[in-house]
Amino acid sequence: MKSGFIAIIGRPNAGKSTLLNRIVGAKLAIVSNKPQTTRTRILGVKQGSHAHPGQAVFVDTPGIHRPLHRMNVRMVDQAVEAIKQMDVSLVMVDASVSSGAGDRFVLELLGTADGPVVLALNKIDLIAKHRLLPIMDRYQKAYEFSALVPISARTGDGVSKLESVIWNLLPDGEPYYPEDYLTDQPERVIVAEMVREKLLAYTEKELPFSSAVVVDKFEEAGADGLMRLYCSIVVDRETHKPIVIGHRGIRIKQIGTEARQELERFFGTRVFLDLHVRVKRGWREDNRMLHELGLTK
């Protein structure tokens, strides 16, 4: 029986959250084409099988980037610490874009890894096959990986092979969590993240990274089968508020409707979702706010 922890690390937009969701078979991490979507470590448990008894615990980490705010510093710190603490490090690289200084920085950080390191070349569905071999050769020369696996986290191509490779590298041991355990994410965090995903989708070109979602009140479903959720969308400037609300409130209504539908699917119950927007200047430098978002030191 094998059990262990796997850190999923890499640059922003490498596809780490998409891979986590596919492996565990549930949407634990929100997905967006905006960089820096994942802000905190997200744990997802993959139970073993008859062929591979045990448990693989995957930890999705924030994308490694040059931090400009206290919030971003803490995000990157979480990713760097994960490399030091996990049994296996899974590095994800977007094979569809040119390699740069950011990818080289990630490779340099791998010097702190105690265990084996696997490279997943992601988004191979977006590149011609003849381009893949030179990319693989370049990375094999850059670092002594335990394995290198081309995948598409979006389509699932190569993911089963990647899982088998990781499983063989895990140490022997008993499972860390019960069989029905999926994630350590509190329900309030899951709610906030699902709302933030829709916020990112509807404000993709207009709102920068200076927005967050806070759950002000969480009421479990009672006898009427209705879960009641009250959330604040926090923005950095007054000018951002009308962007979120939209003309005659249409945008915040769209965000709320889609978030509510996804929350109902996740929790398996009817949901009442109340959203309002508040302005908090400089919240990305506010320790109390960062603590509330799970970005503790």
Protein backbone atom coordinates (compact mmCIF):
# COMPACT_ATOMS: atom_id res chain seq x y z
CA MET A 1 0.00 0.00 0.00
CA LYS A 2 1.29 3.43 -0.96
CA SER A 3 0.31 6.83 0.43
CA GLY A 4 1.82 10.27 0.15
CA PHE A 5 1.54 13.93 -0.68
CA ILE A 6 2.11 15.42 -4.13
CA ALA A 7 2.68 19.15 -4.64
CA ILE A 8 1.39 20.51 -7.96
CA ILE A 9 3.59 23.49 -8.74
CA GLY A 10 4.32 25.74 -11.70
CA ARG A 11 3.78 29.12 -13.27
CA PRO A 12 0.36 30.80 -13.32
CA ASN A 13 -2.01 29.40 -15.96
CA ALA A 14 -0.09 26.15 -16.34
CA GLY A 15 -3.30 24.17 -15.74
CA LYS A 16 -2.66 22.98 -12.17
CA SER A 17 -6.24 23.42 -10.97
CA THR A 18 -7.68 21.74 -14.05
CA LEU A 19 -5.46 18.74 -13.40
CA LEU A 20 -6.41 18.53 -9.72
CA ASN A 21 -10.12 18.59 -10.56
CA ARG A 22 -9.71 15.88 -13.18
CA ILE A 23 -7.66 13.57 -10.96
CA VAL A 24 -9.97 13.72 -7.93
CA GLY A 25 -13.13 13.74 -10.08
CA ALA A 26 -14.66 16.81 -8.44
CA LYS A 27 -14.39 20.56 -8.83
CA LEU A 28 -12.29 21.62 -5.86
CA ALA A 29 -10.28 24.40 -7.49
CA ILE A 30 -11.77 27.18 -9.60
CA VAL A 31 -10.53 27.54 -13.15
CA SER A 32 -9.98 30.74 -15.11
CA ASN A 33 -7.71 31.89 -17.93
CA LYS A 34 -6.64 34.74 -15.66
CA PRO A 35 -3.23 34.24 -14.04
CA GLN A 36 -3.06 33.95 -10.24
CA THR A 37 -6.54 32.45 -9.99
CA THR A 38 -5.49 30.00 -7.25
CA ARG A 39 -4.57 31.96 -4.12
CA THR A 40 -4.25 29.28 -1.43
CA ARG A 41 -3.17 25.66 -1.23
CA ILE A 42 -6.01 23.28 -2.12
CA LEU A 43 -5.84 19.66 -1.00
CA GLY A 44 -7.59 16.92 -2.98
CA VAL A 45 -7.55 13.23 -2.08
CA LYS A 46 -7.40 10.49 -4.71
CA GLN A 47 -8.30 7.08 -3.30
CA GLY A 48 -6.42 4.08 -4.56
CA SER A 49 -7.73 1.03 -6.40
CA HIS A 50 -7.19 -2.75 -6.40
CA ALA A 51 -4.26 -2.24 -8.76
CA HIS A 52 -2.89 0.68 -6.71
CA PRO A 53 -3.98 0.33 -3.07
CA GLY A 54 -3.46 3.38 -0.88
CA GLN A 55 -4.05 7.09 -1.19
CA ALA A 56 -2.55 9.98 -3.15
CA VAL A 57 -3.01 13.43 -1.65
CA PHE A 58 -2.59 16.18 -4.24
CA VAL A 59 -1.93 19.77 -3.18
CA ASP A 60 -2.65 22.46 -5.77
CA THR A 61 -0.50 25.53 -5.09
CA PRO A 62 -0.66 29.16 -6.26
CA GLY A 63 1.23 29.90 -9.45
CA ILE A 64 4.84 30.94 -8.88
CA HIS A 65 5.30 34.53 -10.06
CA ARG A 66 7.04 37.76 -9.13
CA PRO A 67 5.01 39.11 -6.19
CA LEU A 68 3.99 42.77 -6.14
CA HIS A 69 1.76 42.81 -3.02
CA ARG A 70 1.82 41.19 0.41
CA MET A 71 -0.97 38.91 -0.80
CA ASN A 72 1.16 37.65 -3.70
CA VAL A 73 4.19 37.16 -1.46
CA ARG A 74 2.16 34.82 0.73
CA MET A 75 0.78 33.00 -2.31
CA VAL A 76 4.26 32.28 -3.65
CA ASP A 77 5.53 31.32 -0.17
CA GLN A 78 2.86 28.62 0.02
CA ALA A 79 4.04 27.12 -3.26
CA VAL A 80 7.71 27.22 -2.27
CA GLU A 81 7.02 25.59 1.11
CA ALA A 82 5.06 22.81 -0.59
CA ILE A 83 8.15 21.81 -2.59
CA LYS A 84 10.06 21.23 0.65
CA GLN A 85 7.30 19.30 2.44
CA MET A 86 5.82 16.87 -0.10
CA ASP A 87 6.78 13.30 -1.00
CA VAL A 88 6.63 14.05 -4.73
CA SER A 89 6.78 17.36 -6.59
CA LEU A 90 4.76 17.56 -9.80
CA VAL A 91 5.90 20.46 -11.96
CA MET A 92 3.45 21.61 -14.60
CA VAL A 93 4.58 23.54 -17.65
CA ASP A 94 2.40 25.03 -20.36
CA ALA A 95 3.95 23.48 -23.47
CA SER A 96 1.94 25.75 -25.77
CA VAL A 97 3.88 28.90 -24.83
CA SER A 98 7.56 29.74 -25.03
CA SER A 99 9.69 29.02 -21.99
CA GLY A 100 11.03 32.07 -20.15
CA ALA A 101 12.59 33.39 -16.98
CA GLY A 102 9.59 32.30 -14.91
CA ASP A 103 9.99 28.65 -15.90
CA ARG A 104 13.74 28.82 -15.19
CA PHE A 105 12.97 30.21 -11.72
CA VAL A 106 10.65 27.28 -11.01
CA LEU A 107 13.40 24.84 -12.03
CA GLU A 108 15.82 26.60 -9.69
CA LEU A 109 13.39 26.16 -6.80
CA LEU A 110 13.38 22.40 -7.37
CA GLY A 111 16.77 22.28 -5.68
CA THR A 112 14.87 22.44 -2.36
CA ALA A 113 12.83 19.30 -3.15
CA ASP A 114 13.73 16.27 -1.03
CA GLY A 115 11.74 13.73 -3.02
CA PRO A 116 11.36 12.81 -6.69
CA VAL A 117 10.24 15.45 -9.20
CA VAL A 118 7.93 14.72 -12.14
CA LEU A 119 7.41 17.09 -15.06
CA ALA A 120 4.01 17.27 -16.74
CA LEU A 121 4.12 19.06 -20.10
CA ASN A 122 0.55 20.30 -20.26
CA LYS A 123 -1.68 21.58 -23.08
CA ILE A 124 -0.25 19.23 -25.71
CA ASP A 125 -3.65 19.43 -27.42
CA LEU A 126 -2.73 22.99 -28.42
CA ILE A 127 0.56 22.21 -30.18
CA ALA A 128 1.65 20.19 -33.20
CA LYS A 129 3.22 16.81 -32.37
CA HIS A 130 6.51 17.61 -34.10
CA ARG A 131 7.03 20.52 -31.66
CA LEU A 132 6.72 18.32 -28.58
CA LEU A 133 9.96 16.32 -28.83
CA PRO A 134 12.29 19.37 -28.84
CA ILE A 135 10.45 20.77 -25.80
CA MET A 136 10.82 17.44 -23.95
CA ASP A 137 14.49 17.28 -24.86
CA ARG A 138 15.12 20.81 -23.57
CA TYR A 139 13.57 20.10 -20.18
CA GLN A 140 15.32 16.74 -19.84
CA LYS A 141 18.62 18.57 -20.23
CA ALA A 142 17.61 21.34 -17.82
CA TYR A 143 16.79 19.11 -14.82
CA GLU A 144 17.08 15.45 -13.84
CA PHE A 145 13.37 14.64 -13.56
CA SER A 146 12.22 11.25 -12.28
CA ALA A 147 9.79 11.21 -15.20
CA LEU A 148 8.50 13.48 -17.94
CA VAL A 149 4.91 13.00 -19.12
CA PRO A 150 3.11 14.98 -21.87
CA ILE A 151 -0.54 15.55 -20.94
CA SER A 152 -3.64 17.58 -21.58
CA ALA A 153 -5.38 18.27 -18.29
CA ARG A 154 -8.34 19.67 -20.26
CA THR A 155 -8.98 16.59 -22.43
CA GLY A 156 -7.50 13.97 -20.09
CA ASP A 157 -4.90 12.81 -22.61
CA GLY A 158 -1.93 11.28 -20.77
CA VAL A 159 -3.38 11.89 -17.28
CA SER A 160 -3.79 8.17 -16.45
CA LYS A 161 -0.16 7.57 -17.34
CA LEU A 162 0.87 10.53 -15.17
CA GLU A 163 -1.10 9.12 -12.23
CA SER A 164 0.60 5.72 -12.60
CA VAL A 165 4.03 7.36 -12.68
CA ILE A 166 3.28 9.33 -9.52
CA TRP A 167 1.80 6.31 -7.75
CA ASN A 168 4.99 4.30 -8.29
CA LEU A 169 7.04 7.10 -6.72
CA LEU A 170 4.95 7.37 -3.53
CA PRO A 171 6.35 5.85 -0.33
CA ASP A 172 4.79 2.81 1.29
CA GLY A 173 2.29 3.67 3.98
CA GLU A 174 -1.26 3.66 5.26
CA PRO A 175 -3.84 6.24 4.06
CA TYR A 176 -3.81 9.63 5.78
CA TYR A 177 -7.55 10.28 5.41
CA PRO A 178 -10.79 8.25 5.54
CA GLU A 179 -12.09 6.71 2.30
CA ASP A 180 -14.84 9.31 1.88
CA TYR A 181 -12.51 12.29 2.48
CA LEU A 182 -12.18 14.60 -0.53
CA THR A 183 -10.66 17.92 0.57
CA ASP A 184 -9.66 20.01 3.56
CA GLN A 185 -11.31 23.11 2.09
CA PRO A 186 -13.95 24.52 4.49
CA GLU A 187 -17.40 24.96 2.95
CA ARG A 188 -17.17 28.73 3.33
CA VAL A 189 -14.00 28.74 1.23
CA ILE A 190 -15.63 26.61 -1.46
CA VAL A 191 -18.55 29.05 -1.60
CA ALA A 192 -16.27 32.08 -1.87
CA GLU A 193 -14.16 30.49 -4.58
CA MET A 194 -17.14 29.46 -6.71
CA VAL A 195 -18.47 33.00 -6.59
CA ARG A 196 -15.01 34.37 -7.44
CA GLU A 197 -14.76 32.08 -10.46
CA LYS A 198 -17.93 33.61 -11.94
CA LEU A 199 -16.69 37.09 -11.02
CA LEU A 200 -13.49 36.45 -12.98
CA ALA A 201 -15.45 35.09 -15.93
CA TYR A 202 -17.72 38.14 -16.24
CA THR A 203 -15.09 40.81 -15.51
CA GLU A 204 -12.19 39.19 -17.36
CA LYS A 205 -11.13 42.24 -19.37
CA GLU A 206 -12.26 44.99 -17.04
CA LEU A 207 -11.35 44.08 -13.47
CA PRO A 208 -7.75 43.45 -12.41
CA PHE A 209 -6.63 41.07 -9.68
CA SER A 210 -7.79 43.44 -6.95
CA SER A 211 -11.01 41.61 -6.09
CA ALA A 212 -11.92 38.98 -3.52
CA VAL A 213 -15.01 37.25 -2.16
CA VAL A 214 -15.82 36.95 1.54
CA VAL A 215 -18.65 34.84 2.99
CA ASP A 216 -20.34 37.08 5.57
CA LYS A 217 -22.97 34.56 6.66
CA PHE A 218 -23.37 30.84 6.02
CA GLU A 219 -26.62 29.10 6.97
CA GLU A 220 -26.90 25.35 6.45
CA ALA A 221 -30.04 24.03 4.79
CA GLY A 222 -32.84 23.68 7.33
CA ALA A 223 -36.19 21.91 7.21
CA ASP A 224 -37.08 23.84 4.05
CA GLY A 225 -34.01 22.43 2.26
CA LEU A 226 -32.67 25.91 1.46
CA MET A 227 -29.05 26.87 2.14
CA ARG A 228 -28.69 30.64 2.66
CA LEU A 229 -25.41 32.33 1.75
CA TYR A 230 -24.51 36.01 2.08
CA CYS A 231 -21.30 37.14 0.39
CA SER A 232 -19.35 40.33 -0.19
CA ILE A 233 -17.39 40.98 -3.36
CA VAL A 234 -14.50 43.16 -2.21
CA VAL A 235 -12.84 45.53 -4.69
CA ASP A 236 -9.93 47.93 -4.32
CA ARG A 237 -11.39 51.08 -5.89
CA GLU A 238 -14.72 52.87 -6.20
CA THR A 239 -14.40 52.70 -9.98
CA HIS A 240 -14.40 48.89 -9.80
CA LYS A 241 -17.78 48.72 -8.07
CA PRO A 242 -19.95 49.63 -11.09
CA ILE A 243 -17.93 47.17 -13.19
CA VAL A 244 -19.03 44.32 -10.93
CA ILE A 245 -22.63 45.52 -10.65
CA GLY A 246 -23.08 46.26 -14.35
CA HIS A 247 -25.77 48.31 -16.07
CA ARG A 248 -28.93 48.15 -13.94
CA GLY A 249 -27.35 45.33 -11.90
CA ILE A 250 -27.32 42.85 -14.77
CA ARG A 251 -23.72 41.68 -14.29
CA ILE A 252 -23.91 40.93 -10.58
CA LYS A 253 -27.19 39.12 -11.28
CA GLN A 254 -25.45 36.96 -13.89
CA ILE A 255 -22.59 36.24 -11.49
CA GLY A 256 -25.03 35.32 -8.73
CA THR A 257 -27.22 33.11 -10.91
CA GLU A 258 -24.36 31.03 -12.28
CA ALA A 259 -22.63 30.77 -8.91
CA ARG A 260 -25.88 29.68 -7.25
CA GLN A 261 -26.46 26.98 -9.87
CA GLU A 262 -22.96 25.59 -9.37
CA LEU A 263 -23.28 25.70 -5.59
CA GLU A 264 -26.55 23.79 -5.79
CA ARG A 265 -24.84 21.08 -7.83
CA PHE A 266 -21.93 20.89 -5.40
CA PHE A 267 -23.97 20.84 -2.16
CA GLY A 268 -26.93 18.91 -3.55
CA THR A 269 -29.51 21.32 -2.15
CA ARG A 270 -31.32 24.53 -3.06
CA VAL A 271 -29.31 27.71 -2.43
CA PHE A 272 -30.26 31.31 -1.76
CA LEU A 273 -27.27 33.49 -2.63
CA ASP A 274 -27.09 37.17 -1.72
CA LEU A 275 -24.23 39.22 -3.20
CA HIS A 276 -23.22 42.79 -2.55
CA VAL A 277 -20.12 44.80 -3.43
CA ARG A 278 -17.97 46.75 -0.99
CA VAL A 279 -14.83 48.81 -1.48
CA LYS A 280 -11.77 48.26 0.72
CA ARG A 281 -8.74 50.17 -0.46
CA GLY A 282 -5.41 48.38 -0.18
CA TRP A 283 -6.93 45.09 1.02
CA ARG A 284 -4.09 43.10 -0.59
CA GLU A 285 -1.74 44.63 2.01
CA ASP A 286 -4.18 44.18 4.93
CA ASN A 287 -3.07 41.35 7.25
CA ARG A 288 -6.55 40.88 8.71
CA MET A 289 -8.13 40.59 5.28
CA LEU A 290 -5.43 38.19 4.08
CA HIS A 291 -5.98 36.03 7.16
CA GLU A 292 -9.70 35.94 6.40
CA LEU A 293 -8.89 34.71 2.89
CA GLY A 294 -6.65 31.95 4.25
CA LEU A 295 -3.39 33.65 3.28
CA THR A 296 -1.73 33.38 6.67
CA LYS A 297 1.99 33.49 7.25
